[in-house]
């Protein structure tokens, strides 16, 4: 199998039901998804459809009621918490609507952090972090803390942080949803450019259907099922 056809993220018969006492609230049932290396996938759906929940399950941040998620060929369910964390650090990158940068750290330090967590020395982590911050256009803001950056600059920093480990797949939860239209387009263009340069897959939850249609596939989460989206 060629590298381009390698499955980097797979969900099989994924089910999520929230239980509170005797009350059960199903989110989705028997959901399947397979994402190949370098592929870009948008997930759209109404508010409350379970899009963010699905992304958390795919990233191993939440546990399904039943079903399995494989990341880069490894089953999340077969790993303990520590091993699951190592797999997330190695194979996945995360970008959220709100950047979640650490306010006490500079832009450079925030981007270095995933590499430091995996055990890289500071001098080894600094070069790729600097290179990515240059690539997203904020190389002149390396020593600035998040509070000193604009919203668009903070999100560019978050993109660099997600990609610095060269993950197999990036998961984005409304990564441009908190930006104005111009900044959203700039950040989205950067994300696509860098993902394709690295051969990294992208699974992105978004409400912006114009941006979604620029990805390889658009899936709609509706009635607890994932299905190809058909424009009205």
Protein backbone atom coordinates (compact mmCIF):
# COMPACT_ATOMS: atom_id res chain seq x y z
CA UNK A 1 0.00 0.00 0.00
CA UNK A 2 1.41 3.42 -0.95
CA UNK A 3 1.98 5.96 1.79
CA UNK A 4 -0.63 8.23 0.20
CA UNK A 5 -3.28 5.54 0.70
CA UNK A 6 -2.44 4.86 4.34
CA UNK A 7 -5.36 5.27 6.72
CA UNK A 8 -4.28 7.59 9.52
CA UNK A 9 -7.60 7.87 11.37
CA UNK A 10 -10.45 5.38 11.48
CA UNK A 11 -13.66 5.15 13.49
CA UNK A 12 -15.69 1.95 13.42
CA UNK A 13 -19.28 1.63 14.68
CA UNK A 14 -18.73 4.60 16.96
CA UNK A 15 -21.57 5.20 19.39
CA UNK A 16 -21.91 7.88 22.05
CA UNK A 17 -24.74 8.09 24.57
CA UNK A 18 -24.78 10.36 27.59
CA UNK A 19 -26.41 8.91 30.70
CA UNK A 20 -27.66 10.81 33.72
CA UNK A 21 -29.55 8.58 36.14
CA UNK A 22 -32.17 6.78 34.07
CA UNK A 23 -32.07 9.37 31.30
CA UNK A 24 -30.17 8.45 28.13
CA UNK A 25 -29.31 10.99 25.46
CA UNK A 26 -27.95 9.43 22.25
CA UNK A 27 -25.57 11.57 20.22
CA UNK A 28 -24.76 9.20 17.35
CA UNK A 29 -24.87 5.46 16.68
CA UNK A 30 -22.68 3.08 14.64
CA UNK A 31 -20.78 5.89 12.97
CA UNK A 32 -17.92 5.03 10.58
CA UNK A 33 -15.17 7.31 9.27
CA UNK A 34 -11.88 6.62 7.51
CA UNK A 35 -9.33 9.32 6.71
CA UNK A 36 -6.29 8.77 4.46
CA UNK A 37 -2.90 10.43 4.77
CA UNK A 38 -3.00 13.94 3.33
CA UNK A 39 -6.80 13.93 2.96
CA UNK A 40 -8.86 16.91 4.12
CA UNK A 41 -12.35 16.36 5.51
CA UNK A 42 -14.92 18.90 6.70
CA UNK A 43 -17.70 17.93 9.11
CA UNK A 44 -20.73 20.19 9.18
CA UNK A 45 -24.06 19.96 10.96
CA UNK A 46 -26.57 21.83 13.06
CA UNK A 47 -25.68 23.13 16.50
CA UNK A 48 -25.99 20.29 18.98
CA UNK A 49 -25.58 17.57 16.35
CA UNK A 50 -22.51 16.20 18.13
CA UNK A 51 -19.70 17.54 15.91
CA UNK A 52 -17.39 18.54 18.75
CA UNK A 53 -18.19 15.34 20.62
CA UNK A 54 -17.16 13.35 17.56
CA UNK A 55 -13.90 15.28 17.28
CA UNK A 56 -13.13 14.63 20.96
CA UNK A 57 -13.70 10.89 20.43
CA UNK A 58 -11.48 10.87 17.34
CA UNK A 59 -8.75 12.59 19.33
CA UNK A 60 -8.98 10.29 22.33
CA UNK A 61 -10.13 13.15 24.56
CA UNK A 62 -13.39 11.34 25.35
CA UNK A 63 -14.39 7.67 25.44
CA UNK A 64 -17.10 6.23 23.15
CA UNK A 65 -20.00 4.25 24.59
CA UNK A 66 -19.06 1.58 22.07
CA UNK A 67 -17.01 1.27 18.91
CA UNK A 68 -13.34 1.87 18.20
CA UNK A 69 -11.01 4.62 17.06
CA UNK A 70 -7.64 3.82 15.48
CA UNK A 71 -5.00 6.54 15.14
CA UNK A 72 -2.03 5.87 12.88
CA UNK A 73 -2.79 2.14 13.05
CA UNK A 74 -3.16 1.93 16.83
CA UNK A 75 -6.39 1.34 18.73
CA UNK A 76 -7.09 4.04 21.30
CA UNK A 77 -9.09 1.56 23.38
CA UNK A 78 -6.10 -0.78 23.70
CA UNK A 79 -3.93 1.89 25.35
CA UNK A 80 -3.76 3.13 28.92
CA UNK A 81 -4.02 6.85 29.62
CA UNK A 82 -0.27 7.47 29.44
CA UNK A 83 0.16 5.60 26.15
CA UNK A 84 -2.90 7.34 24.71
CA UNK A 85 -1.36 10.68 25.60
CA UNK A 86 1.88 9.73 23.87
CA UNK A 87 -0.01 8.67 20.76
CA UNK A 88 -1.91 11.96 20.70
CA UNK A 89 1.34 13.89 21.04
CA UNK A 90 3.01 11.92 18.25
CA UNK A 91 0.22 11.47 15.74
CA UNK A 92 -2.36 14.21 16.28
CA UNK A 93 -2.48 17.99 16.30
CA UNK A 94 -5.38 20.01 17.71
CA UNK A 95 -6.70 23.46 16.80
CA UNK A 96 -9.69 24.94 18.58
CA UNK A 97 -11.97 27.93 18.00
CA UNK A 98 -10.24 29.61 20.93
CA UNK A 99 -6.49 29.26 20.62
CA UNK A 100 -5.78 27.79 24.11
CA UNK A 101 -2.27 29.21 24.10
CA UNK A 102 -0.60 29.38 27.50
CA UNK A 103 -0.70 33.09 28.46
CA UNK A 104 2.56 33.09 30.43
CA UNK A 105 4.58 31.69 27.51
CA UNK A 106 5.78 33.49 24.38
CA UNK A 107 4.63 32.49 20.90
CA UNK A 108 7.86 30.59 20.39
CA UNK A 109 7.56 28.77 23.72
CA UNK A 110 3.94 27.81 23.01
CA UNK A 111 4.90 26.25 19.69
CA UNK A 112 7.90 24.47 21.20
CA UNK A 113 5.77 22.93 23.94
CA UNK A 114 4.50 19.77 22.13
CA UNK A 115 8.09 18.86 21.26
CA UNK A 116 9.26 19.50 24.83
CA UNK A 117 6.44 17.30 26.15
CA UNK A 118 7.69 14.41 24.04
CA UNK A 119 11.16 14.84 25.51
CA UNK A 120 13.01 17.00 22.98
CA UNK A 121 15.71 19.30 24.30
CA UNK A 122 14.93 23.02 24.11
CA UNK A 123 17.59 23.60 21.43
CA UNK A 124 16.05 20.79 19.31
CA UNK A 125 12.52 22.16 19.70
CA UNK A 126 13.39 25.76 18.93
CA UNK A 127 14.41 25.42 15.27
CA UNK A 128 11.20 23.77 13.95
CA UNK A 129 9.06 26.07 16.10
CA UNK A 130 10.81 29.14 14.68
CA UNK A 131 10.47 27.79 11.14
CA UNK A 132 6.73 27.26 11.48
CA UNK A 133 6.12 30.65 13.04
CA UNK A 134 8.00 32.14 10.09
CA UNK A 135 5.86 30.03 7.73
CA UNK A 136 2.60 31.35 9.21
CA UNK A 137 3.85 34.92 8.97
CA UNK A 138 4.54 35.82 12.59
CA UNK A 139 8.27 35.18 12.78
CA UNK A 140 8.64 38.76 13.98
CA UNK A 141 6.44 38.03 17.02
CA UNK A 142 8.41 35.16 18.55
CA UNK A 143 8.89 36.78 21.94
CA UNK A 144 5.37 38.16 22.26
CA UNK A 145 2.92 36.54 24.65
CA UNK A 146 -0.65 35.71 23.54
CA UNK A 147 -2.04 38.83 25.18
CA UNK A 148 0.23 40.91 22.95
CA UNK A 149 -0.95 39.25 19.72
CA UNK A 150 -4.04 39.95 17.62
CA UNK A 151 -6.75 37.30 17.29
CA UNK A 152 -5.48 36.26 13.87
CA UNK A 153 -1.90 36.09 15.12
CA UNK A 154 -2.92 33.95 18.09
CA UNK A 155 -4.69 31.51 15.77
CA UNK A 156 -1.69 31.39 13.43
CA UNK A 157 0.40 30.50 16.47
CA UNK A 158 -2.10 27.75 17.33
CA UNK A 159 -1.80 26.37 13.78
CA UNK A 160 1.99 26.31 14.10
CA UNK A 161 1.73 24.53 17.45
CA UNK A 162 -0.61 21.88 15.97
CA UNK A 163 1.78 21.17 13.09
CA UNK A 164 5.16 21.37 14.81
CA UNK A 165 5.25 17.63 15.57
CA UNK A 166 4.40 16.79 11.92
CA UNK A 167 1.35 14.80 13.02
CA UNK A 168 -0.44 12.22 10.90
CA UNK A 169 -3.71 14.13 11.32
CA UNK A 170 -4.82 17.54 12.57
CA UNK A 171 -8.24 17.87 14.22
CA UNK A 172 -9.76 21.35 14.01
CA UNK A 173 -12.84 22.40 16.00
CA UNK A 174 -14.11 25.59 14.34
CA UNK A 175 -10.48 26.78 13.98
CA UNK A 176 -11.54 29.99 12.21
CA UNK A 177 -14.87 30.48 13.99
CA UNK A 178 -13.65 33.25 16.29
CA UNK A 179 -12.08 35.37 13.53
CA UNK A 180 -13.35 38.06 11.19
CA UNK A 181 -13.87 37.02 7.57
CA UNK A 182 -10.48 38.22 6.32
CA UNK A 183 -8.49 36.67 9.18
CA UNK A 184 -10.48 33.44 8.87
CA UNK A 185 -9.59 33.15 5.19
CA UNK A 186 -5.90 33.89 5.83
CA UNK A 187 -5.65 31.33 8.65
CA UNK A 188 -7.57 28.73 6.63
CA UNK A 189 -5.27 29.23 3.62
CA UNK A 190 -2.22 28.82 5.84
CA UNK A 191 -3.62 25.69 7.43
CA UNK A 192 -4.31 24.06 4.07
CA UNK A 193 -0.94 25.08 2.65
CA UNK A 194 1.02 23.72 5.60
CA UNK A 195 -1.05 20.55 5.86
CA UNK A 196 -0.49 19.73 2.23
CA UNK A 197 3.22 20.55 2.43
CA UNK A 198 3.58 18.09 5.31
CA UNK A 199 1.19 15.45 3.92
CA UNK A 200 -0.86 15.74 7.08
CA UNK A 201 -4.54 14.82 7.07
CA UNK A 202 -7.07 17.36 8.31
CA UNK A 203 -10.48 16.74 9.87
CA UNK A 204 -12.22 20.04 10.56
CA UNK A 205 -15.55 20.84 12.16
CA UNK A 206 -16.87 24.10 10.74
CA UNK A 207 -20.06 26.08 10.32
CA UNK A 208 -18.62 27.90 7.29
CA UNK A 209 -19.79 25.90 4.29
CA UNK A 210 -17.82 28.00 1.83
CA UNK A 211 -14.59 27.01 3.57
CA UNK A 212 -15.81 23.42 3.97
CA UNK A 213 -16.26 23.05 0.20
CA UNK A 214 -12.55 23.72 -0.33
CA UNK A 215 -11.68 20.45 1.40
CA UNK A 216 -11.56 17.04 -0.28
CA UNK A 217 -14.75 15.79 1.35
CA UNK A 218 -17.66 17.42 3.16
CA UNK A 219 -19.65 15.21 5.54
CA UNK A 220 -22.79 16.20 7.41
CA UNK A 221 -23.57 14.89 10.89
CA UNK A 222 -27.34 14.67 10.93
CA UNK A 223 -29.68 12.46 12.93
CA UNK A 224 -26.71 10.71 14.50
CA UNK A 225 -25.27 9.70 11.12
CA UNK A 226 -22.39 10.91 8.99
CA UNK A 227 -23.29 11.27 5.33
CA UNK A 228 -21.91 13.09 2.29
CA UNK A 229 -23.22 16.64 2.25
CA UNK A 230 -25.36 17.58 -0.72
CA UNK A 231 -25.65 21.38 -1.18
CA UNK A 232 -29.19 22.75 -1.38
